[in-house]
């Protein structure tokens, strides 16, 4: 049994998969992906096939966090929709196999972009990547959740109210110091919440370009990854999550587009991306988008605080990056406050 986020008991995995995945034949060689902070993810290579194993980290975890079982369920449900996902093979809930729950899916051999400015892409190809990213998000929010068996995938009621309550508790559970901007942001999100408009769709929860794979020879999306935060909720939260990331500094830890001359670089503006989404979904516009944006900054700050706390506890998937992430919590909180004051509707 492995108790490390950095390694796997390859023999235990091979023994478990041998009679559970059709055509599976060991031995297994594994490599840990360096991207991702939440659930350790490994490439499994066999003589004839490549798989990906994604596991809960071992150790004491926050309640409802690292929900690999939910990731497995939603991706399996999306297999017959227009939303591209990897093929799911199995979910192992028996923690005795490697020390924590895990699932196995096909490895998808596509292009992965870490940064939304797409620095390695020719200028004339960047717009196509962003448009297919936009179209995939619209397709996700158009999924008939009843038809795919996900009507119970999230509780009823006001999504923003529910999420703010949940992530406020998660933040307090991992709080390491008082951050005044975060306290103000949480209070204002409660006080200034708009009336619920009743929209309920499947939402990804962390929709951004580095959680996607693209085809090698076209701008089409090959697979959307990292569904840990997915639920039934409000679609504008996903859209705002894209804009949230773009408002951060480019490169490194920010991975945003702040200060980038987007017209010169062949990239869409925030407003163009939102307008394209509205066109795909047949919407006249989006009300209270500044609030949605502030919510996304708040939630990401709470997530980053949890990552930072795990680093301090010695239980992070990527310890060095996790320790560095702590500096961004007050920055995200300040951005959230500015979004509330932006008047973007």
C-alpha atoms as a PDB file:
ATOM      1  CA  UNK A   1       0.000   0.000   0.000  1.00  0.00           C
ATOM      2  CA  UNK A   2       1.453   3.364  -1.027  1.00  0.00           C
ATOM      3  CA  UNK A   3       0.955   6.373   1.252  1.00  0.00           C
ATOM      4  CA  UNK A   4       2.786   8.869  -0.987  1.00  0.00           C
ATOM      5  CA  UNK A   5       1.339  11.335  -3.491  1.00  0.00           C
ATOM      6  CA  UNK A   6       4.469  10.915  -5.615  1.00  0.00           C
ATOM      7  CA  UNK A   7       4.488   7.179  -6.270  1.00  0.00           C
ATOM      8  CA  UNK A   8       2.314   4.105  -6.845  1.00  0.00           C
ATOM      9  CA  UNK A   9       2.488   0.421  -6.040  1.00  0.00           C
ATOM     10  CA  UNK A  10       2.621  -0.610  -9.707  1.00  0.00           C
ATOM     11  CA  UNK A  11       2.216  -4.299  -8.971  1.00  0.00           C
ATOM     12  CA  UNK A  12      -0.870  -3.716  -6.815  1.00  0.00           C
ATOM     13  CA  UNK A  13      -2.405  -1.623  -9.592  1.00  0.00           C
ATOM     14  CA  UNK A  14      -1.582  -4.197 -12.266  1.00  0.00           C
ATOM     15  CA  UNK A  15      -3.037  -7.024 -10.167  1.00  0.00           C
ATOM     16  CA  UNK A  16      -6.235  -5.044  -9.597  1.00  0.00           C
ATOM     17  CA  UNK A  17      -6.710  -4.067 -13.248  1.00  0.00           C
ATOM     18  CA  UNK A  18      -5.750  -7.402 -14.795  1.00  0.00           C
ATOM     19  CA  UNK A  19      -9.232  -8.934 -14.670  1.00  0.00           C
ATOM     20  CA  UNK A  20     -11.242  -5.707 -14.572  1.00  0.00           C
ATOM     21  CA  UNK A  21     -10.269  -3.917 -17.805  1.00  0.00           C
ATOM     22  CA  UNK A  22     -10.839  -5.819 -21.031  1.00  0.00           C
ATOM     23  CA  UNK A  23      -7.565  -6.445 -22.856  1.00  0.00           C
ATOM     24  CA  UNK A  24      -5.397  -5.187 -19.998  1.00  0.00           C
ATOM     25  CA  UNK A  25      -1.968  -6.793 -19.801  1.00  0.00           C
ATOM     26  CA  UNK A  26       0.918  -5.696 -17.567  1.00  0.00           C
ATOM     27  CA  UNK A  27       3.525  -4.946 -16.577  1.00  0.00           C
ATOM     28  CA  UNK A  28       2.923  -1.297 -15.737  1.00  0.00           C
ATOM     29  CA  UNK A  29       5.373   1.566 -15.874  1.00  0.00           C
ATOM     30  CA  UNK A  30       4.108   4.775 -14.294  1.00  0.00           C
ATOM     31  CA  UNK A  31       5.019   8.441 -14.438  1.00  0.00           C
ATOM     32  CA  UNK A  32       3.463  11.152 -12.268  1.00  0.00           C
ATOM     33  CA  UNK A  33       2.126  14.179 -14.113  1.00  0.00           C
ATOM     34  CA  UNK A  34       3.571  17.367 -12.651  1.00  0.00           C
ATOM     35  CA  UNK A  35       0.496  19.463 -13.432  1.00  0.00           C
ATOM     36  CA  UNK A  36      -2.404  19.566 -10.999  1.00  0.00           C
ATOM     37  CA  UNK A  37      -2.471  20.234  -7.278  1.00  0.00           C
ATOM     38  CA  UNK A  38      -5.529  18.404  -6.040  1.00  0.00           C
ATOM     39  CA  UNK A  39      -5.615  14.743  -7.045  1.00  0.00           C
ATOM     40  CA  UNK A  40      -2.294  13.061  -7.937  1.00  0.00           C
ATOM     41  CA  UNK A  41      -2.439  11.821 -11.525  1.00  0.00           C
ATOM     42  CA  UNK A  42      -0.261   9.157 -13.167  1.00  0.00           C
ATOM     43  CA  UNK A  43       0.391   7.927 -16.689  1.00  0.00           C
ATOM     44  CA  UNK A  44       0.224   4.124 -16.755  1.00  0.00           C
ATOM     45  CA  UNK A  45       2.086   2.552 -19.668  1.00  0.00           C
ATOM     46  CA  UNK A  46       1.661  -1.100 -20.590  1.00  0.00           C
ATOM     47  CA  UNK A  47       3.176  -2.901 -23.602  1.00  0.00           C
ATOM     48  CA  UNK A  48      -0.007  -2.299 -25.643  1.00  0.00           C
ATOM     49  CA  UNK A  49      -1.913   0.637 -24.154  1.00  0.00           C
ATOM     50  CA  UNK A  50      -1.672   3.827 -22.111  1.00  0.00           C
ATOM     51  CA  UNK A  51      -4.024   4.740 -19.285  1.00  0.00           C
ATOM     52  CA  UNK A  52      -4.313   7.528 -16.734  1.00  0.00           C
ATOM     53  CA  UNK A  53      -4.868   6.839 -13.029  1.00  0.00           C
ATOM     54  CA  UNK A  54      -6.208   9.651 -10.860  1.00  0.00           C
ATOM     55  CA  UNK A  55      -6.348   9.145  -7.114  1.00  0.00           C
ATOM     56  CA  UNK A  56      -7.309  10.876  -3.913  1.00  0.00           C
ATOM     57  CA  UNK A  57      -4.239  11.951  -1.965  1.00  0.00           C
ATOM     58  CA  UNK A  58      -3.763   9.868   1.171  1.00  0.00           C
ATOM     59  CA  UNK A  59      -4.001  11.410   4.612  1.00  0.00           C
ATOM     60  CA  UNK A  60      -6.472  13.658   6.411  1.00  0.00           C
ATOM     61  CA  UNK A  61      -8.568  15.595   3.870  1.00  0.00           C
ATOM     62  CA  UNK A  62     -11.205  18.297   4.005  1.00  0.00           C
ATOM     63  CA  UNK A  63     -14.735  16.950   3.865  1.00  0.00           C
ATOM     64  CA  UNK A  64     -16.099  16.612   0.285  1.00  0.00           C
ATOM     65  CA  UNK A  65     -12.720  17.506  -1.261  1.00  0.00           C
ATOM     66  CA  UNK A  66     -10.818  15.377  -3.809  1.00  0.00           C
ATOM     67  CA  UNK A  67     -14.001  13.711  -5.080  1.00  0.00           C
ATOM     68  CA  UNK A  68     -12.543  11.337  -7.664  1.00  0.00           C
ATOM     69  CA  UNK A  69     -15.746   9.283  -7.542  1.00  0.00           C
ATOM     70  CA  UNK A  70     -17.699  12.314  -8.766  1.00  0.00           C
ATOM     71  CA  UNK A  71     -15.101  12.955 -11.481  1.00  0.00           C
ATOM     72  CA  UNK A  72     -15.540   9.401 -12.693  1.00  0.00           C
ATOM     73  CA  UNK A  73     -19.329   9.557 -12.646  1.00  0.00           C
ATOM     74  CA  UNK A  74     -19.689  12.789 -14.592  1.00  0.00           C
ATOM     75  CA  UNK A  75     -17.190  11.847 -17.293  1.00  0.00           C
ATOM     76  CA  UNK A  76     -18.817   8.466 -17.757  1.00  0.00           C
ATOM     77  CA  UNK A  77     -22.224  10.176 -18.078  1.00  0.00           C
ATOM     78  CA  UNK A  78     -20.894  12.568 -20.736  1.00  0.00           C
ATOM     79  CA  UNK A  79     -19.588   9.813 -23.002  1.00  0.00           C
ATOM     80  CA  UNK A  80     -22.518  10.077 -25.439  1.00  0.00           C
ATOM     81  CA  UNK A  81     -22.824  13.892 -25.463  1.00  0.00           C
ATOM     82  CA  UNK A  82     -21.123  16.662 -27.450  1.00  0.00           C
ATOM     83  CA  UNK A  83     -18.776  17.319 -24.520  1.00  0.00           C
ATOM     84  CA  UNK A  84     -15.450  15.542 -25.210  1.00  0.00           C
ATOM     85  CA  UNK A  85     -14.100  13.419 -22.358  1.00  0.00           C
ATOM     86  CA  UNK A  86     -11.747  10.474 -21.996  1.00  0.00           C
ATOM     87  CA  UNK A  87     -13.103   6.913 -21.883  1.00  0.00           C
ATOM     88  CA  UNK A  88     -13.681   5.832 -18.289  1.00  0.00           C
ATOM     89  CA  UNK A  89     -12.632   2.262 -17.416  1.00  0.00           C
ATOM     90  CA  UNK A  90     -13.275   1.786 -13.696  1.00  0.00           C
ATOM     91  CA  UNK A  91     -13.569   3.353 -10.274  1.00  0.00           C
ATOM     92  CA  UNK A  92     -11.840   1.621  -7.352  1.00  0.00           C
ATOM     93  CA  UNK A  93     -13.365   2.538  -3.992  1.00  0.00           C
ATOM     94  CA  UNK A  94     -11.295  -0.065  -2.119  1.00  0.00           C
ATOM     95  CA  UNK A  95      -8.658   2.038  -0.358  1.00  0.00           C
ATOM     96  CA  UNK A  96      -6.632  -1.039   0.562  1.00  0.00           C
ATOM     97  CA  UNK A  97      -5.362  -1.376  -3.041  1.00  0.00           C
ATOM     98  CA  UNK A  98      -3.089   1.717  -3.096  1.00  0.00           C
ATOM     99  CA  UNK A  99      -4.136   3.631   0.008  1.00  0.00           C
ATOM    100  CA  UNK A 100      -6.913   5.785  -1.463  1.00  0.00           C
ATOM    101  CA  UNK A 101      -9.790   5.731  -3.964  1.00  0.00           C
ATOM    102  CA  UNK A 102      -8.831   6.029  -7.651  1.00  0.00           C
ATOM    103  CA  UNK A 103     -10.178   5.721 -11.180  1.00  0.00           C
ATOM    104  CA  UNK A 104      -8.623   4.729 -14.491  1.00  0.00           C
ATOM    105  CA  UNK A 105      -9.336   6.249 -17.893  1.00  0.00           C
ATOM    106  CA  UNK A 106      -7.773   6.210 -21.334  1.00  0.00           C
ATOM    107  CA  UNK A 107      -4.745   8.365 -22.010  1.00  0.00           C
ATOM    108  CA  UNK A 108      -5.621  10.994 -24.619  1.00  0.00           C
ATOM    109  CA  UNK A 109      -2.693  11.989 -26.825  1.00  0.00           C
ATOM    110  CA  UNK A 110      -3.419  15.638 -27.511  1.00  0.00           C
ATOM    111  CA  UNK A 111      -2.013  19.129 -27.201  1.00  0.00           C
ATOM    112  CA  UNK A 112      -1.971  20.716 -23.755  1.00  0.00           C
ATOM    113  CA  UNK A 113      -1.624  24.465 -23.259  1.00  0.00           C
ATOM    114  CA  UNK A 114      -0.502  25.774 -19.882  1.00  0.00           C
ATOM    115  CA  UNK A 115      -1.001  29.438 -20.685  1.00  0.00           C
ATOM    116  CA  UNK A 116      -4.000  31.218 -22.235  1.00  0.00           C
ATOM    117  CA  UNK A 117      -1.774  33.507 -24.325  1.00  0.00           C
ATOM    118  CA  UNK A 118      -0.882  30.355 -26.329  1.00  0.00           C
ATOM    119  CA  UNK A 119       2.752  31.439 -26.834  1.00  0.00           C
ATOM    120  CA  UNK A 120       3.741  28.357 -28.832  1.00  0.00           C
ATOM    121  CA  UNK A 121       0.845  28.684 -31.297  1.00  0.00           C
ATOM    122  CA  UNK A 122       0.997  30.724 -34.524  1.00  0.00           C
ATOM    123  CA  UNK A 123      -0.956  33.938 -34.129  1.00  0.00           C
ATOM    124  CA  UNK A 124      -3.551  32.990 -36.763  1.00  0.00           C
ATOM    125  CA  UNK A 125      -4.416  29.737 -34.930  1.00  0.00           C
ATOM    126  CA  UNK A 126      -5.052  31.223 -31.486  1.00  0.00           C
ATOM    127  CA  UNK A 127      -8.547  32.509 -32.243  1.00  0.00           C
ATOM    128  CA  UNK A 128      -9.651  29.033 -33.360  1.00  0.00           C
ATOM    129  CA  UNK A 129      -8.480  27.484 -30.092  1.00  0.00           C
ATOM    130  CA  UNK A 130     -10.377  30.066 -28.060  1.00  0.00           C
ATOM    131  CA  UNK A 131     -13.535  29.664 -30.131  1.00  0.00           C
ATOM    132  CA  UNK A 132     -13.635  25.874 -29.704  1.00  0.00           C
ATOM    133  CA  UNK A 133     -12.992  26.348 -25.992  1.00  0.00           C
ATOM    134  CA  UNK A 134     -15.984  28.688 -25.941  1.00  0.00           C
ATOM    135  CA  UNK A 135     -18.191  26.358 -27.988  1.00  0.00           C
ATOM    136  CA  UNK A 136     -17.335  23.397 -25.733  1.00  0.00           C
ATOM    137  CA  UNK A 137     -18.382  25.417 -22.687  1.00  0.00           C
ATOM    138  CA  UNK A 138     -21.708  26.260 -24.354  1.00  0.00           C
ATOM    139  CA  UNK A 139     -22.177  22.574 -25.235  1.00  0.00           C
ATOM    140  CA  UNK A 140     -21.514  21.608 -21.619  1.00  0.00           C
ATOM    141  CA  UNK A 141     -24.192  23.981 -20.376  1.00  0.00           C
ATOM    142  CA  UNK A 142     -26.628  22.600 -22.961  1.00  0.00           C
ATOM    143  CA  UNK A 143     -26.384  18.987 -21.741  1.00  0.00           C
ATOM    144  CA  UNK A 144     -29.754  17.501 -20.776  1.00  0.00           C
ATOM    145  CA  UNK A 145     -28.880  16.481 -17.213  1.00  0.00           C
ATOM    146  CA  UNK A 146     -31.965  14.284 -16.919  1.00  0.00           C
ATOM    147  CA  UNK A 147     -31.183  12.375 -20.101  1.00  0.00           C
ATOM    148  CA  UNK A 148     -27.608  11.587 -18.996  1.00  0.00           C
ATOM    149  CA  UNK A 149     -28.618  10.614 -15.461  1.00  0.00           C
ATOM    150  CA  UNK A 150     -27.177  13.605 -13.614  1.00  0.00           C
ATOM    151  CA  UNK A 151     -30.326  15.247 -12.242  1.00  0.00           C
ATOM    152  CA  UNK A 152     -29.187  14.402  -8.704  1.00  0.00           C
ATOM    153  CA  UNK A 153     -25.559  15.397  -9.282  1.00  0.00           C
ATOM    154  CA  UNK A 154     -26.013  18.582  -7.259  1.00  0.00           C
ATOM    155  CA  UNK A 155     -28.505  19.741  -4.642  1.00  0.00           C
ATOM    156  CA  UNK A 156     -31.372  22.086  -5.540  1.00  0.00           C
ATOM    157  CA  UNK A 157     -31.485  25.733  -4.608  1.00  0.00           C
ATOM    158  CA  UNK A 158     -29.367  28.820  -5.148  1.00  0.00           C
ATOM    159  CA  UNK A 159     -26.002  27.688  -6.538  1.00  0.00           C
ATOM    160  CA  UNK A 160     -24.035  30.787  -5.549  1.00  0.00           C
ATOM    161  CA  UNK A 161     -25.445  30.788  -2.026  1.00  0.00           C
ATOM    162  CA  UNK A 162     -24.621  27.110  -1.631  1.00  0.00           C
ATOM    163  CA  UNK A 163     -21.101  27.431  -3.017  1.00  0.00           C
ATOM    164  CA  UNK A 164     -20.263  30.518  -0.982  1.00  0.00           C
ATOM    165  CA  UNK A 165     -21.338  28.684   2.155  1.00  0.00           C
ATOM    166  CA  UNK A 166     -19.334  25.603   1.265  1.00  0.00           C
ATOM    167  CA  UNK A 167     -16.123  27.378   0.309  1.00  0.00           C
ATOM    168  CA  UNK A 168     -16.313  29.766   3.255  1.00  0.00           C
ATOM    169  CA  UNK A 169     -16.275  26.714   5.530  1.00  0.00           C
ATOM    170  CA  UNK A 170     -13.437  25.140   3.527  1.00  0.00           C
ATOM    171  CA  UNK A 171     -11.481  28.377   3.733  1.00  0.00           C
ATOM    172  CA  UNK A 172     -11.946  28.687   7.482  1.00  0.00           C
ATOM    173  CA  UNK A 173     -10.874  25.052   7.926  1.00  0.00           C
ATOM    174  CA  UNK A 174      -7.583  25.720   6.109  1.00  0.00           C
ATOM    175  CA  UNK A 175      -7.010  29.336   7.224  1.00  0.00           C
ATOM    176  CA  UNK A 176      -3.426  30.001   8.339  1.00  0.00           C
ATOM    177  CA  UNK A 177      -3.633  33.758   8.955  1.00  0.00           C
ATOM    178  CA  UNK A 178      -6.202  36.539   8.845  1.00  0.00           C
ATOM    179  CA  UNK A 179      -6.560  38.053   5.363  1.00  0.00           C
ATOM    180  CA  UNK A 180      -8.724  41.174   5.624  1.00  0.00           C
ATOM    181  CA  UNK A 181      -9.577  41.305   1.903  1.00  0.00           C
ATOM    182  CA  UNK A 182     -10.841  37.734   2.033  1.00  0.00           C
ATOM    183  CA  UNK A 183     -13.040  38.493   5.037  1.00  0.00           C
ATOM    184  CA  UNK A 184     -14.506  41.531   3.264  1.00  0.00           C
ATOM    185  CA  UNK A 185     -15.096  39.608   0.053  1.00  0.00           C
ATOM    186  CA  UNK A 186     -16.954  36.785   1.805  1.00  0.00           C
ATOM    187  CA  UNK A 187     -19.173  39.277   3.635  1.00  0.00           C
ATOM    188  CA  UNK A 188     -19.987  41.248   0.487  1.00  0.00           C
ATOM    189  CA  UNK A 189     -20.783  38.132  -1.546  1.00  0.00           C
ATOM    190  CA  UNK A 190     -23.433  37.299   1.019  1.00  0.00           C
ATOM    191  CA  UNK A 191     -24.784  40.838   1.341  1.00  0.00           C
ATOM    192  CA  UNK A 192     -24.846  41.655  -2.388  1.00  0.00           C
ATOM    193  CA  UNK A 193     -26.100  38.348  -3.801  1.00  0.00           C
ATOM    194  CA  UNK A 194     -28.560  38.828  -6.697  1.00  0.00           C
ATOM    195  CA  UNK A 195     -31.870  37.026  -6.737  1.00  0.00           C
ATOM    196  CA  UNK A 196     -31.602  33.477  -8.044  1.00  0.00           C
ATOM    197  CA  UNK A 197     -32.742  33.273 -11.690  1.00  0.00           C
ATOM    198  CA  UNK A 198     -33.393  29.526 -11.535  1.00  0.00           C
ATOM    199  CA  UNK A 199     -30.825  28.386 -14.112  1.00  0.00           C
ATOM    200  CA  UNK A 200     -29.526  24.867 -13.403  1.00  0.00           C
ATOM    201  CA  UNK A 201     -27.037  23.176 -15.710  1.00  0.00           C
ATOM    202  CA  UNK A 202     -24.042  20.907 -15.418  1.00  0.00           C
ATOM    203  CA  UNK A 203     -21.018  23.046 -14.520  1.00  0.00           C
ATOM    204  CA  UNK A 204     -17.361  22.077 -14.635  1.00  0.00           C
ATOM    205  CA  UNK A 205     -16.262  24.227 -11.715  1.00  0.00           C
ATOM    206  CA  UNK A 206     -12.694  24.881 -12.929  1.00  0.00           C
ATOM    207  CA  UNK A 207     -13.055  25.546 -16.645  1.00  0.00           C
ATOM    208  CA  UNK A 208      -9.819  26.911 -18.130  1.00  0.00           C
ATOM    209  CA  UNK A 209      -7.507  26.119 -21.005  1.00  0.00           C
ATOM    210  CA  UNK A 210      -4.989  24.144 -18.928  1.00  0.00           C
ATOM    211  CA  UNK A 211      -7.773  21.732 -17.960  1.00  0.00           C
ATOM    212  CA  UNK A 212      -8.302  20.781 -21.610  1.00  0.00           C
ATOM    213  CA  UNK A 213      -6.627  18.731 -24.335  1.00  0.00           C
ATOM    214  CA  UNK A 214      -6.827  19.734 -27.993  1.00  0.00           C
ATOM    215  CA  UNK A 215      -6.430  17.659 -31.155  1.00  0.00           C
ATOM    216  CA  UNK A 216      -2.928  17.683 -32.581  1.00  0.00           C
ATOM    217  CA  UNK A 217      -3.981  18.649 -36.098  1.00  0.00           C
ATOM    218  CA  UNK A 218      -6.978  20.923 -35.476  1.00  0.00           C
ATOM    219  CA  UNK A 219      -8.330  23.413 -32.921  1.00  0.00           C
ATOM    220  CA  UNK A 220     -10.999  20.940 -31.794  1.00  0.00           C
ATOM    221  CA  UNK A 221     -11.167  19.953 -28.129  1.00  0.00           C
ATOM    222  CA  UNK A 222     -10.087  16.356 -27.534  1.00  0.00           C
ATOM    223  CA  UNK A 223     -11.050  16.139 -23.849  1.00  0.00           C
ATOM    224  CA  UNK A 224     -12.039  18.312 -20.910  1.00  0.00           C
ATOM    225  CA  UNK A 225     -10.109  17.281 -17.781  1.00  0.00           C
ATOM    226  CA  UNK A 226     -10.245  17.702 -13.988  1.00  0.00           C
ATOM    227  CA  UNK A 227     -13.935  17.455 -13.099  1.00  0.00           C
ATOM    228  CA  UNK A 228     -13.467  17.436  -9.319  1.00  0.00           C
ATOM    229  CA  UNK A 229     -15.482  20.632  -8.765  1.00  0.00           C
ATOM    230  CA  UNK A 230     -18.280  19.755 -11.202  1.00  0.00           C
ATOM    231  CA  UNK A 231     -21.875  19.837 -10.014  1.00  0.00           C
ATOM    232  CA  UNK A 232     -25.319  21.024 -11.013  1.00  0.00           C
ATOM    233  CA  UNK A 233     -25.183  24.766 -10.728  1.00  0.00           C
ATOM    234  CA  UNK A 234     -25.246  28.095 -12.505  1.00  0.00           C
ATOM    235  CA  UNK A 235     -23.627  28.199 -15.956  1.00  0.00           C
ATOM    236  CA  UNK A 236     -22.325  31.753 -15.638  1.00  0.00           C
ATOM    237  CA  UNK A 237     -19.928  30.645 -12.910  1.00  0.00           C
ATOM    238  CA  UNK A 238     -18.013  28.571 -15.473  1.00  0.00           C
ATOM    239  CA  UNK A 239     -17.928  31.456 -17.932  1.00  0.00           C
ATOM    240  CA  UNK A 240     -16.725  33.820 -15.225  1.00  0.00           C
ATOM    241  CA  UNK A 241     -13.991  31.349 -14.265  1.00  0.00           C
ATOM    242  CA  UNK A 242     -12.412  31.785 -17.711  1.00  0.00           C
ATOM    243  CA  UNK A 243     -12.479  35.565 -17.409  1.00  0.00           C
ATOM    244  CA  UNK A 244     -11.150  35.344 -13.859  1.00  0.00           C
ATOM    245  CA  UNK A 245      -8.034  33.542 -15.033  1.00  0.00           C
ATOM    246  CA  UNK A 246      -7.526  35.922 -17.933  1.00  0.00           C
ATOM    247  CA  UNK A 247      -7.476  38.883 -15.530  1.00  0.00           C
ATOM    248  CA  UNK A 248      -4.425  37.482 -13.739  1.00  0.00           C
ATOM    249  CA  UNK A 249      -0.804  38.238 -14.803  1.00  0.00           C
ATOM    250  CA  UNK A 250       0.550  36.137 -17.707  1.00  0.00           C
ATOM    251  CA  UNK A 251       2.974  33.237 -17.253  1.00  0.00           C
ATOM    252  CA  UNK A 252       4.189  31.509 -14.123  1.00  0.00           C
ATOM    253  CA  UNK A 253       1.746  31.330 -11.256  1.00  0.00           C
ATOM    254  CA  UNK A 254      -0.799  33.795 -12.682  1.00  0.00           C
ATOM    255  CA  UNK A 255      -1.419  32.113 -16.043  1.00  0.00           C
ATOM    256  CA  UNK A 256      -3.526  35.037 -17.199  1.00  0.00           C
ATOM    257  CA  UNK A 257      -3.704  37.710 -19.879  1.00  0.00           C
ATOM    258  CA  UNK A 258      -3.524  40.931 -17.854  1.00  0.00           C
ATOM    259  CA  UNK A 259      -1.606  43.559 -19.803  1.00  0.00           C
ATOM    260  CA  UNK A 260      -1.377  41.451 -22.983  1.00  0.00           C
ATOM    261  CA  UNK A 261      -2.156  43.280 -26.253  1.00  0.00           C
ATOM    262  CA  UNK A 262      -4.768  40.757 -27.283  1.00  0.00           C
ATOM    263  CA  UNK A 263      -5.554  42.296 -30.647  1.00  0.00           C
ATOM    264  CA  UNK A 264      -1.872  42.140 -31.588  1.00  0.00           C
ATOM    265  CA  UNK A 265      -1.611  38.547 -30.337  1.00  0.00           C
ATOM    266  CA  UNK A 266      -4.762  37.263 -32.045  1.00  0.00           C
ATOM    267  CA  UNK A 267      -6.604  36.694 -28.776  1.00  0.00           C
ATOM    268  CA  UNK A 268     -10.197  37.464 -27.799  1.00  0.00           C
ATOM    269  CA  UNK A 269     -10.991  40.162 -25.259  1.00  0.00           C
ATOM    270  CA  UNK A 270     -13.037  39.317 -22.166  1.00  0.00           C
ATOM    271  CA  UNK A 271     -16.058  41.008 -23.731  1.00  0.00           C
ATOM    272  CA  UNK A 272     -15.649  39.138 -27.028  1.00  0.00           C
ATOM    273  CA  UNK A 273     -15.459  35.802 -25.249  1.00  0.00           C
ATOM    274  CA  UNK A 274     -18.617  36.519 -23.251  1.00  0.00           C
ATOM    275  CA  UNK A 275     -20.424  37.730 -26.393  1.00  0.00           C
ATOM    276  CA  UNK A 276     -19.429  34.579 -28.320  1.00  0.00           C
ATOM    277  CA  UNK A 277     -20.767  32.405 -25.499  1.00  0.00           C
ATOM    278  CA  UNK A 278     -24.066  34.305 -25.573  1.00  0.00           C
ATOM    279  CA  UNK A 279     -24.279  33.727 -29.333  1.00  0.00           C
ATOM    280  CA  UNK A 280     -23.681  29.979 -28.983  1.00  0.00           C
ATOM    281  CA  UNK A 281     -26.382  29.721 -26.324  1.00  0.00           C
ATOM    282  CA  UNK A 282     -28.841  32.182 -27.865  1.00  0.00           C
ATOM    283  CA  UNK A 283     -28.669  34.677 -24.977  1.00  0.00           C
ATOM    284  CA  UNK A 284     -29.274  38.416 -25.184  1.00  0.00           C
ATOM    285  CA  UNK A 285     -26.731  39.097 -22.453  1.00  0.00           C
ATOM    286  CA  UNK A 286     -25.724  38.194 -18.911  1.00  0.00           C
ATOM    287  CA  UNK A 287     -26.945  39.961 -15.789  1.00  0.00           C
ATOM    288  CA  UNK A 288     -24.777  40.442 -12.679  1.00  0.00           C
ATOM    289  CA  UNK A 289     -21.625  39.164 -14.376  1.00  0.00           C
ATOM    290  CA  UNK A 290     -19.423  41.198 -12.020  1.00  0.00           C
ATOM    291  CA  UNK A 291     -20.871  39.244  -9.109  1.00  0.00           C
ATOM    292  CA  UNK A 292     -20.201  35.928 -10.900  1.00  0.00           C
ATOM    293  CA  UNK A 293     -16.624  37.040 -11.479  1.00  0.00           C
ATOM    294  CA  UNK A 294     -16.173  38.030  -7.837  1.00  0.00           C
ATOM    295  CA  UNK A 295     -17.498  34.645  -6.770  1.00  0.00           C
ATOM    296  CA  UNK A 296     -14.916  32.892  -8.942  1.00  0.00           C
ATOM    297  CA  UNK A 297     -12.065  34.926  -7.457  1.00  0.00           C
ATOM    298  CA  UNK A 298     -13.337  34.043  -3.978  1.00  0.00           C
ATOM    299  CA  UNK A 299     -13.639  30.340  -4.686  1.00  0.00           C
ATOM    300  CA  UNK A 300     -10.186  30.162  -6.271  1.00  0.00           C
ATOM    301  CA  UNK A 301      -8.714  31.967  -3.265  1.00  0.00           C
ATOM    302  CA  UNK A 302     -10.320  29.377  -0.978  1.00  0.00           C
ATOM    303  CA  UNK A 303      -9.002  26.532  -3.121  1.00  0.00           C
ATOM    304  CA  UNK A 304      -5.487  27.993  -3.153  1.00  0.00           C
ATOM    305  CA  UNK A 305      -5.600  28.398   0.611  1.00  0.00           C
ATOM    306  CA  UNK A 306      -6.408  24.686   0.906  1.00  0.00           C
ATOM    307  CA  UNK A 307      -3.474  23.820  -1.374  1.00  0.00           C
ATOM    308  CA  UNK A 308      -1.184  26.010   0.714  1.00  0.00           C
ATOM    309  CA  UNK A 309      -2.371  24.403   3.945  1.00  0.00           C
ATOM    310  CA  UNK A 310      -1.695  20.928   2.536  1.00  0.00           C
ATOM    311  CA  UNK A 311       1.843  22.055   1.685  1.00  0.00           C
ATOM    312  CA  UNK A 312       2.394  23.208   5.257  1.00  0.00           C
ATOM    313  CA  UNK A 313       1.036  19.860   6.452  1.00  0.00           C
ATOM    314  CA  UNK A 314       3.350  17.962   4.072  1.00  0.00           C
ATOM    315  CA  UNK A 315       0.486  16.502   2.055  1.00  0.00           C
ATOM    316  CA  UNK A 316       0.577  18.401  -1.265  1.00  0.00           C
ATOM    317  CA  UNK A 317       0.770  16.772  -4.701  1.00  0.00           C
ATOM    318  CA  UNK A 318       3.355  19.340  -5.895  1.00  0.00           C
ATOM    319  CA  UNK A 319       4.871  20.698  -2.653  1.00  0.00           C
ATOM    320  CA  UNK A 320       7.048  23.516  -4.025  1.00  0.00           C
ATOM    321  CA  UNK A 321       4.328  25.003  -6.221  1.00  0.00           C
ATOM    322  CA  UNK A 322       1.781  24.567  -3.427  1.00  0.00           C
ATOM    323  CA  UNK A 323       3.904  26.551  -0.976  1.00  0.00           C
ATOM    324  CA  UNK A 324       4.311  29.352  -3.523  1.00  0.00           C
ATOM    325  CA  UNK A 325       0.557  29.496  -4.098  1.00  0.00           C
ATOM    326  CA  UNK A 326      -0.136  30.965  -0.661  1.00  0.00           C
ATOM    327  CA  UNK A 327       0.928  34.441  -1.783  1.00  0.00           C
ATOM    328  CA  UNK A 328      -1.959  34.543  -4.277  1.00  0.00           C
ATOM    329  CA  UNK A 329      -4.814  34.248  -1.761  1.00  0.00           C
ATOM    330  CA  UNK A 330      -4.951  37.982  -0.888  1.00  0.00           C
ATOM    331  CA  UNK A 331      -4.398  38.902  -4.550  1.00  0.00           C
ATOM    332  CA  UNK A 332      -7.419  36.871  -5.657  1.00  0.00           C
ATOM    333  CA  UNK A 333      -9.468  38.359  -2.829  1.00  0.00           C
ATOM    334  CA  UNK A 334      -8.607  41.913  -3.922  1.00  0.00           C
ATOM    335  CA  UNK A 335      -9.536  41.074  -7.510  1.00  0.00           C
ATOM    336  CA  UNK A 336     -12.864  39.760  -6.250  1.00  0.00           C
ATOM    337  CA  UNK A 337     -13.596  43.010  -4.474  1.00  0.00           C
ATOM    338  CA  UNK A 338     -12.780  44.983  -7.624  1.00  0.00           C
ATOM    339  CA  UNK A 339     -15.080  42.744  -9.665  1.00  0.00           C
ATOM    340  CA  UNK A 340     -17.974  43.587  -7.332  1.00  0.00           C
ATOM    341  CA  UNK A 341     -17.300  47.275  -7.923  1.00  0.00           C
ATOM    342  CA  UNK A 342     -16.830  46.939 -11.696  1.00  0.00           C
ATOM    343  CA  UNK A 343     -20.491  47.320 -12.632  1.00  0.00           C
ATOM    344  CA  UNK A 344     -20.087  44.624 -15.300  1.00  0.00           C
ATOM    345  CA  UNK A 345     -23.627  43.445 -16.121  1.00  0.00           C
END
